[in-house]
């Protein structure tokens, strides 16, 4: 019986010795791993930024304007200074959903919002209300050169930050802001056009110049622009007029009824 107890004690001591050896070995193996974790990590590689330009860049700016606005708006942005999608700012705005253009002699003059005429729409330029020489609030957008505008935002819902809001909506035209550019910008545009109807042919031109620069560590900026347009619109116009000959006899007499006559003449004028 005593011999059996000694054997069991020996087995227990041997097992305890084996466990201690295994723990020491595991600790020695884990120590290099801890040393490896405490070593400084290599510097992260900084990737180059991706800048989207061109037409896709203009679309991206328009989407950002709609996303960040607290009102229901439609926006159009120029891909670069002097590069709106169309020759006229009115043509560019008319492409937006819910807007149409009223044309005069082929040119987009007024903007209709949600089916209401331009008399019910308000217009601002960089937040300042615009007016015209007529007896209504409709602004002739073909008077604003598209080469000097960078964006246009159409507000379809009222906004307390706007001045001179319209019943149908408000169109906010925005010129280029010098501090939005990181370097000097110089843009020159020149176009030539020729309009012909039958044997009547007239030529015109359109050119613009824009200069943007920054000073005093980008705290002061200037923007200068000039635009000129000479776009003739030849055409034909028909007008009819009538002249009634006055009778020499009293109007109740038969002679007066027989001598009265009417002459109708049609004339065609070129303009």
C-alpha atoms as a PDB file:
ATOM      1  CA  UNK A   1       0.000   0.000   0.000  1.00  0.00           C
ATOM      2  CA  UNK A   2       2.850   2.325   0.842  1.00  0.00           C
ATOM      3  CA  UNK A   3       4.536   1.473  -2.465  1.00  0.00           C
ATOM      4  CA  UNK A   4       1.369   2.419  -4.386  1.00  0.00           C
ATOM      5  CA  UNK A   5       1.196   5.821  -2.704  1.00  0.00           C
ATOM      6  CA  UNK A   6       4.819   6.509  -3.597  1.00  0.00           C
ATOM      7  CA  UNK A   7       4.140   5.635  -7.248  1.00  0.00           C
ATOM      8  CA  UNK A   8       1.140   7.982  -7.375  1.00  0.00           C
ATOM      9  CA  UNK A   9       3.182  10.798  -5.809  1.00  0.00           C
ATOM     10  CA  UNK A  10       5.925  10.307  -8.360  1.00  0.00           C
ATOM     11  CA  UNK A  11       3.411  10.480 -11.242  1.00  0.00           C
ATOM     12  CA  UNK A  12       1.937  13.722  -9.820  1.00  0.00           C
ATOM     13  CA  UNK A  13       5.353  15.344  -9.488  1.00  0.00           C
ATOM     14  CA  UNK A  14       6.276  14.312 -13.026  1.00  0.00           C
ATOM     15  CA  UNK A  15       3.019  15.786 -14.414  1.00  0.00           C
ATOM     16  CA  UNK A  16       3.559  19.079 -12.559  1.00  0.00           C
ATOM     17  CA  UNK A  17       7.111  19.314 -13.872  1.00  0.00           C
ATOM     18  CA  UNK A  18       5.915  18.716 -17.451  1.00  0.00           C
ATOM     19  CA  UNK A  19       3.230  21.428 -17.191  1.00  0.00           C
ATOM     20  CA  UNK A  20       5.721  23.958 -15.839  1.00  0.00           C
ATOM     21  CA  UNK A  21       8.121  23.231 -18.679  1.00  0.00           C
ATOM     22  CA  UNK A  22       5.330  23.652 -21.245  1.00  0.00           C
ATOM     23  CA  UNK A  23       4.312  27.042 -19.739  1.00  0.00           C
ATOM     24  CA  UNK A  24       7.866  28.319 -19.821  1.00  0.00           C
ATOM     25  CA  UNK A  25       8.258  27.252 -23.444  1.00  0.00           C
ATOM     26  CA  UNK A  26       4.973  28.955 -24.431  1.00  0.00           C
ATOM     27  CA  UNK A  27       6.046  32.138 -22.667  1.00  0.00           C
ATOM     28  CA  UNK A  28       9.403  32.111 -24.437  1.00  0.00           C
ATOM     29  CA  UNK A  29       7.683  31.609 -27.772  1.00  0.00           C
ATOM     30  CA  UNK A  30       5.155  34.398 -27.117  1.00  0.00           C
ATOM     31  CA  UNK A  31       7.800  36.930 -26.118  1.00  0.00           C
ATOM     32  CA  UNK A  32       9.104  37.473 -29.688  1.00  0.00           C
ATOM     33  CA  UNK A  33       5.522  38.063 -30.825  1.00  0.00           C
ATOM     34  CA  UNK A  34       5.077  40.766 -28.183  1.00  0.00           C
ATOM     35  CA  UNK A  35       8.342  42.344 -29.270  1.00  0.00           C
ATOM     36  CA  UNK A  36       7.119  42.320 -32.854  1.00  0.00           C
ATOM     37  CA  UNK A  37       3.812  44.044 -31.930  1.00  0.00           C
ATOM     38  CA  UNK A  38       5.595  46.869 -30.095  1.00  0.00           C
ATOM     39  CA  UNK A  39       7.776  47.698 -33.094  1.00  0.00           C
ATOM     40  CA  UNK A  40       6.789  50.947 -34.877  1.00  0.00           C
ATOM     41  CA  UNK A  41       4.452  50.529 -37.880  1.00  0.00           C
ATOM     42  CA  UNK A  42       5.682  51.713 -41.267  1.00  0.00           C
ATOM     43  CA  UNK A  43       4.429  55.076 -42.499  1.00  0.00           C
ATOM     44  CA  UNK A  44       1.111  54.938 -44.405  1.00  0.00           C
ATOM     45  CA  UNK A  45       1.316  55.712 -48.082  1.00  0.00           C
ATOM     46  CA  UNK A  46      -0.648  58.839 -49.086  1.00  0.00           C
ATOM     47  CA  UNK A  47      -2.524  58.295 -52.332  1.00  0.00           C
ATOM     48  CA  UNK A  48      -2.953  61.060 -54.902  1.00  0.00           C
ATOM     49  CA  UNK A  49      -6.364  62.762 -54.921  1.00  0.00           C
ATOM     50  CA  UNK A  50      -8.701  62.189 -57.839  1.00  0.00           C
ATOM     51  CA  UNK A  51     -10.030  65.416 -59.371  1.00  0.00           C
ATOM     52  CA  UNK A  52     -12.950  65.190 -61.798  1.00  0.00           C
ATOM     53  CA  UNK A  53     -13.051  67.934 -64.439  1.00  0.00           C
ATOM     54  CA  UNK A  54     -14.889  68.659 -67.653  1.00  0.00           C
ATOM     55  CA  UNK A  55     -18.570  67.929 -68.202  1.00  0.00           C
ATOM     56  CA  UNK A  56     -18.588  65.244 -65.501  1.00  0.00           C
ATOM     57  CA  UNK A  57     -17.152  67.747 -63.047  1.00  0.00           C
ATOM     58  CA  UNK A  58     -19.954  70.213 -63.836  1.00  0.00           C
ATOM     59  CA  UNK A  59     -22.580  67.508 -63.315  1.00  0.00           C
ATOM     60  CA  UNK A  60     -20.955  66.531 -60.021  1.00  0.00           C
ATOM     61  CA  UNK A  61     -21.061  70.146 -58.807  1.00  0.00           C
ATOM     62  CA  UNK A  62     -24.754  70.376 -59.710  1.00  0.00           C
ATOM     63  CA  UNK A  63     -25.540  67.190 -57.801  1.00  0.00           C
ATOM     64  CA  UNK A  64     -23.612  68.433 -54.756  1.00  0.00           C
ATOM     65  CA  UNK A  65     -25.591  71.694 -54.824  1.00  0.00           C
ATOM     66  CA  UNK A  66     -28.908  69.803 -54.870  1.00  0.00           C
ATOM     67  CA  UNK A  67     -27.755  67.407 -52.138  1.00  0.00           C
ATOM     68  CA  UNK A  68     -26.524  70.108 -49.740  1.00  0.00           C
ATOM     69  CA  UNK A  69     -29.455  72.496 -50.223  1.00  0.00           C
ATOM     70  CA  UNK A  70     -32.279  72.590 -47.667  1.00  0.00           C
ATOM     71  CA  UNK A  71     -34.812  73.538 -50.369  1.00  0.00           C
ATOM     72  CA  UNK A  72     -36.020  71.894 -53.556  1.00  0.00           C
ATOM     73  CA  UNK A  73     -33.626  73.260 -56.168  1.00  0.00           C
ATOM     74  CA  UNK A  74     -32.347  72.577 -59.660  1.00  0.00           C
ATOM     75  CA  UNK A  75     -28.801  73.564 -60.542  1.00  0.00           C
ATOM     76  CA  UNK A  76     -26.513  73.842 -63.541  1.00  0.00           C
ATOM     77  CA  UNK A  77     -22.765  74.450 -63.240  1.00  0.00           C
ATOM     78  CA  UNK A  78     -20.086  75.346 -65.743  1.00  0.00           C
ATOM     79  CA  UNK A  79     -17.332  72.787 -66.304  1.00  0.00           C
ATOM     80  CA  UNK A  80     -14.860  75.673 -66.345  1.00  0.00           C
ATOM     81  CA  UNK A  81     -14.878  79.446 -66.498  1.00  0.00           C
ATOM     82  CA  UNK A  82     -16.757  80.508 -69.628  1.00  0.00           C
ATOM     83  CA  UNK A  83     -17.890  76.955 -70.469  1.00  0.00           C
ATOM     84  CA  UNK A  84     -21.586  76.586 -69.782  1.00  0.00           C
ATOM     85  CA  UNK A  85     -23.340  73.786 -71.704  1.00  0.00           C
ATOM     86  CA  UNK A  86     -25.116  76.272 -74.028  1.00  0.00           C
ATOM     87  CA  UNK A  87     -24.416  79.637 -75.601  1.00  0.00           C
ATOM     88  CA  UNK A  88     -27.193  81.246 -73.544  1.00  0.00           C
ATOM     89  CA  UNK A  89     -27.832  80.902 -69.827  1.00  0.00           C
ATOM     90  CA  UNK A  90     -31.554  80.662 -70.599  1.00  0.00           C
ATOM     91  CA  UNK A  91     -30.973  77.608 -72.827  1.00  0.00           C
ATOM     92  CA  UNK A  92     -29.013  75.929 -70.044  1.00  0.00           C
ATOM     93  CA  UNK A  93     -31.714  76.608 -67.447  1.00  0.00           C
ATOM     94  CA  UNK A  94     -34.479  75.442 -69.797  1.00  0.00           C
ATOM     95  CA  UNK A  95     -32.948  71.946 -69.813  1.00  0.00           C
ATOM     96  CA  UNK A  96     -33.677  71.508 -66.099  1.00  0.00           C
ATOM     97  CA  UNK A  97     -36.786  69.563 -64.999  1.00  0.00           C
ATOM     98  CA  UNK A  98     -39.946  71.664 -64.644  1.00  0.00           C
ATOM     99  CA  UNK A  99     -38.563  74.662 -66.573  1.00  0.00           C
ATOM    100  CA  UNK A 100     -39.212  75.907 -70.103  1.00  0.00           C
ATOM    101  CA  UNK A 101     -37.989  78.876 -72.119  1.00  0.00           C
ATOM    102  CA  UNK A 102     -40.056  81.517 -73.905  1.00  0.00           C
ATOM    103  CA  UNK A 103     -38.350  82.400 -77.179  1.00  0.00           C
ATOM    104  CA  UNK A 104     -38.368  85.676 -79.036  1.00  0.00           C
ATOM    105  CA  UNK A 105     -37.072  85.565 -82.608  1.00  0.00           C
ATOM    106  CA  UNK A 106     -35.383  82.262 -81.898  1.00  0.00           C
ATOM    107  CA  UNK A 107     -33.701  83.302 -78.652  1.00  0.00           C
ATOM    108  CA  UNK A 108     -34.586  82.055 -75.199  1.00  0.00           C
ATOM    109  CA  UNK A 109     -35.614  85.212 -73.355  1.00  0.00           C
ATOM    110  CA  UNK A 110     -37.743  84.325 -70.317  1.00  0.00           C
ATOM    111  CA  UNK A 111     -37.908  81.261 -68.071  1.00  0.00           C
ATOM    112  CA  UNK A 112     -41.205  79.632 -67.104  1.00  0.00           C
ATOM    113  CA  UNK A 113     -41.204  77.664 -63.858  1.00  0.00           C
ATOM    114  CA  UNK A 114     -43.846  74.962 -63.405  1.00  0.00           C
ATOM    115  CA  UNK A 115     -45.928  76.310 -66.266  1.00  0.00           C
ATOM    116  CA  UNK A 116     -46.208  79.880 -64.964  1.00  0.00           C
ATOM    117  CA  UNK A 117     -44.909  82.718 -67.113  1.00  0.00           C
ATOM    118  CA  UNK A 118     -41.746  84.638 -66.373  1.00  0.00           C
ATOM    119  CA  UNK A 119     -43.769  87.432 -64.731  1.00  0.00           C
ATOM    120  CA  UNK A 120     -44.243  85.181 -61.688  1.00  0.00           C
ATOM    121  CA  UNK A 121     -40.555  84.260 -61.284  1.00  0.00           C
ATOM    122  CA  UNK A 122     -37.973  86.217 -59.336  1.00  0.00           C
ATOM    123  CA  UNK A 123     -34.376  86.598 -60.479  1.00  0.00           C
ATOM    124  CA  UNK A 124     -31.251  87.450 -58.498  1.00  0.00           C
ATOM    125  CA  UNK A 125     -27.602  87.909 -59.460  1.00  0.00           C
ATOM    126  CA  UNK A 126     -25.280  86.838 -56.635  1.00  0.00           C
ATOM    127  CA  UNK A 127     -28.192  87.312 -54.243  1.00  0.00           C
ATOM    128  CA  UNK A 128     -29.258  90.758 -55.517  1.00  0.00           C
ATOM    129  CA  UNK A 129     -32.664  91.236 -57.088  1.00  0.00           C
ATOM    130  CA  UNK A 130     -32.744  91.977 -60.815  1.00  0.00           C
ATOM    131  CA  UNK A 131     -35.225  94.195 -62.667  1.00  0.00           C
ATOM    132  CA  UNK A 132     -36.008  95.119 -66.256  1.00  0.00           C
ATOM    133  CA  UNK A 133     -37.403  98.048 -68.208  1.00  0.00           C
ATOM    134  CA  UNK A 134     -40.848  96.539 -68.823  1.00  0.00           C
ATOM    135  CA  UNK A 135     -43.927  96.690 -66.616  1.00  0.00           C
ATOM    136  CA  UNK A 136     -43.494  93.189 -65.133  1.00  0.00           C
ATOM    137  CA  UNK A 137     -40.933  91.152 -63.207  1.00  0.00           C
ATOM    138  CA  UNK A 138     -39.893  88.974 -66.135  1.00  0.00           C
ATOM    139  CA  UNK A 139     -36.147  89.214 -66.728  1.00  0.00           C
ATOM    140  CA  UNK A 140     -34.671  88.763 -70.196  1.00  0.00           C
ATOM    141  CA  UNK A 141     -32.018  86.134 -69.621  1.00  0.00           C
ATOM    142  CA  UNK A 142     -30.464  86.581 -73.045  1.00  0.00           C
ATOM    143  CA  UNK A 143     -29.019  89.857 -71.741  1.00  0.00           C
ATOM    144  CA  UNK A 144     -26.725  87.944 -69.357  1.00  0.00           C
ATOM    145  CA  UNK A 145     -23.634  86.553 -71.121  1.00  0.00           C
ATOM    146  CA  UNK A 146     -23.153  82.908 -70.291  1.00  0.00           C
ATOM    147  CA  UNK A 147     -19.363  83.243 -70.530  1.00  0.00           C
ATOM    148  CA  UNK A 148     -19.303  85.323 -67.321  1.00  0.00           C
ATOM    149  CA  UNK A 149     -21.582  83.034 -65.285  1.00  0.00           C
ATOM    150  CA  UNK A 150     -20.396  79.967 -63.414  1.00  0.00           C
ATOM    151  CA  UNK A 151     -23.672  78.524 -62.140  1.00  0.00           C
ATOM    152  CA  UNK A 152     -27.428  79.000 -61.903  1.00  0.00           C
ATOM    153  CA  UNK A 153     -29.645  77.676 -59.111  1.00  0.00           C
ATOM    154  CA  UNK A 154     -33.445  77.546 -59.451  1.00  0.00           C
ATOM    155  CA  UNK A 155     -35.368  77.501 -56.146  1.00  0.00           C
ATOM    156  CA  UNK A 156     -38.759  75.836 -56.516  1.00  0.00           C
ATOM    157  CA  UNK A 157     -39.757  76.368 -52.887  1.00  0.00           C
ATOM    158  CA  UNK A 158     -39.634  79.502 -50.698  1.00  0.00           C
ATOM    159  CA  UNK A 159     -36.412  80.175 -48.843  1.00  0.00           C
ATOM    160  CA  UNK A 160     -35.957  82.822 -46.145  1.00  0.00           C
ATOM    161  CA  UNK A 161     -32.405  83.548 -47.296  1.00  0.00           C
ATOM    162  CA  UNK A 162     -33.559  84.769 -50.721  1.00  0.00           C
ATOM    163  CA  UNK A 163     -34.428  88.353 -51.581  1.00  0.00           C
ATOM    164  CA  UNK A 164     -37.111  89.122 -54.154  1.00  0.00           C
ATOM    165  CA  UNK A 165     -38.684  85.691 -54.361  1.00  0.00           C
ATOM    166  CA  UNK A 166     -41.196  84.893 -57.070  1.00  0.00           C
ATOM    167  CA  UNK A 167     -44.528  83.112 -56.885  1.00  0.00           C
ATOM    168  CA  UNK A 168     -43.463  80.253 -59.158  1.00  0.00           C
ATOM    169  CA  UNK A 169     -39.808  80.176 -58.076  1.00  0.00           C
ATOM    170  CA  UNK A 170     -36.542  82.094 -57.955  1.00  0.00           C
ATOM    171  CA  UNK A 171     -33.575  81.929 -60.314  1.00  0.00           C
ATOM    172  CA  UNK A 172     -30.227  82.780 -58.717  1.00  0.00           C
ATOM    173  CA  UNK A 173     -27.460  83.513 -61.232  1.00  0.00           C
ATOM    174  CA  UNK A 174     -23.923  83.265 -59.904  1.00  0.00           C
ATOM    175  CA  UNK A 175     -20.743  84.694 -61.363  1.00  0.00           C
ATOM    176  CA  UNK A 176     -17.277  83.256 -60.875  1.00  0.00           C
ATOM    177  CA  UNK A 177     -15.812  83.673 -57.380  1.00  0.00           C
ATOM    178  CA  UNK A 178     -12.073  84.392 -57.430  1.00  0.00           C
ATOM    179  CA  UNK A 179     -11.258  82.669 -54.123  1.00  0.00           C
ATOM    180  CA  UNK A 180     -12.782  79.404 -55.378  1.00  0.00           C
ATOM    181  CA  UNK A 181      -9.817  79.052 -57.722  1.00  0.00           C
ATOM    182  CA  UNK A 182      -6.355  78.045 -56.558  1.00  0.00           C
ATOM    183  CA  UNK A 183      -4.449  79.842 -59.300  1.00  0.00           C
ATOM    184  CA  UNK A 184      -4.703  82.568 -61.918  1.00  0.00           C
ATOM    185  CA  UNK A 185      -7.239  81.934 -64.691  1.00  0.00           C
ATOM    186  CA  UNK A 186      -7.335  83.566 -68.102  1.00  0.00           C
ATOM    187  CA  UNK A 187     -10.085  82.602 -70.563  1.00  0.00           C
ATOM    188  CA  UNK A 188     -10.773  83.953 -74.049  1.00  0.00           C
ATOM    189  CA  UNK A 189     -13.698  82.874 -76.234  1.00  0.00           C
ATOM    190  CA  UNK A 190     -14.424  83.878 -79.825  1.00  0.00           C
ATOM    191  CA  UNK A 191     -17.222  82.741 -82.137  1.00  0.00           C
ATOM    192  CA  UNK A 192     -18.402  83.575 -85.636  1.00  0.00           C
ATOM    193  CA  UNK A 193     -21.902  82.986 -86.956  1.00  0.00           C
ATOM    194  CA  UNK A 194     -23.728  83.429 -90.244  1.00  0.00           C
ATOM    195  CA  UNK A 195     -27.505  83.470 -90.661  1.00  0.00           C
ATOM    196  CA  UNK A 196     -29.107  83.058 -94.075  1.00  0.00           C
ATOM    197  CA  UNK A 197     -32.717  83.060 -95.279  1.00  0.00           C
ATOM    198  CA  UNK A 198     -33.218  82.690 -99.041  1.00  0.00           C
ATOM    199  CA  UNK A 199     -30.968  85.317-100.608  1.00  0.00           C
ATOM    200  CA  UNK A 200     -30.667  87.335 -97.383  1.00  0.00           C
ATOM    201  CA  UNK A 201     -27.428  86.606 -95.511  1.00  0.00           C
ATOM    202  CA  UNK A 202     -25.979  88.347 -92.447  1.00  0.00           C
ATOM    203  CA  UNK A 203     -22.957  87.627 -90.290  1.00  0.00           C
ATOM    204  CA  UNK A 204     -22.260  88.201 -86.606  1.00  0.00           C
ATOM    205  CA  UNK A 205     -19.678  87.529 -83.935  1.00  0.00           C
ATOM    206  CA  UNK A 206     -19.397  86.878 -80.239  1.00  0.00           C
ATOM    207  CA  UNK A 207     -16.327  87.132 -78.035  1.00  0.00           C
ATOM    208  CA  UNK A 208     -15.539  87.347 -74.333  1.00  0.00           C
ATOM    209  CA  UNK A 209     -12.575  87.776 -71.997  1.00  0.00           C
ATOM    210  CA  UNK A 210     -12.246  86.708 -68.349  1.00  0.00           C
ATOM    211  CA  UNK A 211      -9.407  87.238 -65.883  1.00  0.00           C
ATOM    212  CA  UNK A 212      -9.294  85.870 -62.314  1.00  0.00           C
ATOM    213  CA  UNK A 213      -6.427  86.238 -59.833  1.00  0.00           C
ATOM    214  CA  UNK A 214      -5.725  85.971 -56.091  1.00  0.00           C
ATOM    215  CA  UNK A 215      -3.539  88.075 -53.790  1.00  0.00           C
ATOM    216  CA  UNK A 216      -2.451  88.304 -50.119  1.00  0.00           C
ATOM    217  CA  UNK A 217      -2.277  84.553 -49.510  1.00  0.00           C
ATOM    218  CA  UNK A 218      -5.647  83.910 -51.160  1.00  0.00           C
ATOM    219  CA  UNK A 219      -7.470  86.442 -48.985  1.00  0.00           C
ATOM    220  CA  UNK A 220      -8.122  88.939 -51.780  1.00  0.00           C
ATOM    221  CA  UNK A 221      -9.367  88.038 -55.218  1.00  0.00           C
ATOM    222  CA  UNK A 222     -10.433  89.917 -58.332  1.00  0.00           C
ATOM    223  CA  UNK A 223     -12.508  88.869 -61.323  1.00  0.00           C
ATOM    224  CA  UNK A 224     -12.767  90.863 -64.515  1.00  0.00           C
ATOM    225  CA  UNK A 225     -14.936  89.954 -67.481  1.00  0.00           C
ATOM    226  CA  UNK A 226     -16.051  91.451 -70.769  1.00  0.00           C
ATOM    227  CA  UNK A 227     -18.497  90.033 -73.309  1.00  0.00           C
ATOM    228  CA  UNK A 228     -19.720  91.308 -76.679  1.00  0.00           C
ATOM    229  CA  UNK A 229     -22.358  89.824 -78.958  1.00  0.00           C
ATOM    230  CA  UNK A 230     -23.553  90.824 -82.410  1.00  0.00           C
ATOM    231  CA  UNK A 231     -26.074  88.262 -83.591  1.00  0.00           C
ATOM    232  CA  UNK A 232     -28.302  89.424 -86.476  1.00  0.00           C
ATOM    233  CA  UNK A 233     -31.598  87.647 -87.083  1.00  0.00           C
ATOM    234  CA  UNK A 234     -32.679  88.145 -90.714  1.00  0.00           C
ATOM    235  CA  UNK A 235     -36.275  87.427 -91.602  1.00  0.00           C
ATOM    236  CA  UNK A 236     -39.355  88.386 -93.603  1.00  0.00           C
ATOM    237  CA  UNK A 237     -42.490  89.997 -92.243  1.00  0.00           C
ATOM    238  CA  UNK A 238     -45.880  90.322 -94.012  1.00  0.00           C
ATOM    239  CA  UNK A 239     -48.323  93.049 -93.068  1.00  0.00           C
ATOM    240  CA  UNK A 240     -51.747  93.807 -94.573  1.00  0.00           C
ATOM    241  CA  UNK A 241     -53.535  97.125 -94.416  1.00  0.00           C
ATOM    242  CA  UNK A 242     -56.785  98.469 -95.837  1.00  0.00           C
ATOM    243  CA  UNK A 243     -58.013 101.949 -96.829  1.00  0.00           C
ATOM    244  CA  UNK A 244     -61.660 102.866 -97.282  1.00  0.00           C
ATOM    245  CA  UNK A 245     -62.533 105.703 -99.668  1.00  0.00           C
ATOM    246  CA  UNK A 246     -64.898 108.279 -98.145  1.00  0.00           C
ATOM    247  CA  UNK A 247     -68.096 108.920-100.238  1.00  0.00           C
ATOM    248  CA  UNK A 248     -68.767 112.433-101.580  1.00  0.00           C
ATOM    249  CA  UNK A 249     -72.576 112.086-101.356  1.00  0.00           C
ATOM    250  CA  UNK A 250     -74.639 111.700 -98.138  1.00  0.00           C
ATOM    251  CA  UNK A 251     -74.175 108.192 -96.664  1.00  0.00           C
ATOM    252  CA  UNK A 252     -77.935 107.389 -96.983  1.00  0.00           C
ATOM    253  CA  UNK A 253     -78.041 108.026-100.707  1.00  0.00           C
ATOM    254  CA  UNK A 254     -77.598 105.378-103.388  1.00  0.00           C
ATOM    255  CA  UNK A 255     -74.749 107.349-104.957  1.00  0.00           C
ATOM    256  CA  UNK A 256     -72.701 107.128-101.794  1.00  0.00           C
ATOM    257  CA  UNK A 257     -73.156 103.373-101.624  1.00  0.00           C
ATOM    258  CA  UNK A 258     -72.065 103.029-105.234  1.00  0.00           C
ATOM    259  CA  UNK A 259     -68.984 105.292-104.992  1.00  0.00           C
ATOM    260  CA  UNK A 260     -67.531 103.905-101.726  1.00  0.00           C
ATOM    261  CA  UNK A 261     -64.717 101.378-102.187  1.00  0.00           C
ATOM    262  CA  UNK A 262     -62.138  99.529-100.135  1.00  0.00           C
ATOM    263  CA  UNK A 263     -58.532  98.931-101.159  1.00  0.00           C
ATOM    264  CA  UNK A 264     -56.458  96.211 -99.532  1.00  0.00           C
ATOM    265  CA  UNK A 265     -52.714  96.106 -99.943  1.00  0.00           C
ATOM    266  CA  UNK A 266     -50.190  93.570 -98.740  1.00  0.00           C
ATOM    267  CA  UNK A 267     -46.551  94.457 -98.226  1.00  0.00           C
ATOM    268  CA  UNK A 268     -43.515  92.382 -97.453  1.00  0.00           C
ATOM    269  CA  UNK A 269     -40.660  93.875 -95.512  1.00  0.00           C
ATOM    270  CA  UNK A 270     -37.232  92.561 -94.680  1.00  0.00           C
ATOM    271  CA  UNK A 271     -35.839  92.939 -91.202  1.00  0.00           C
END
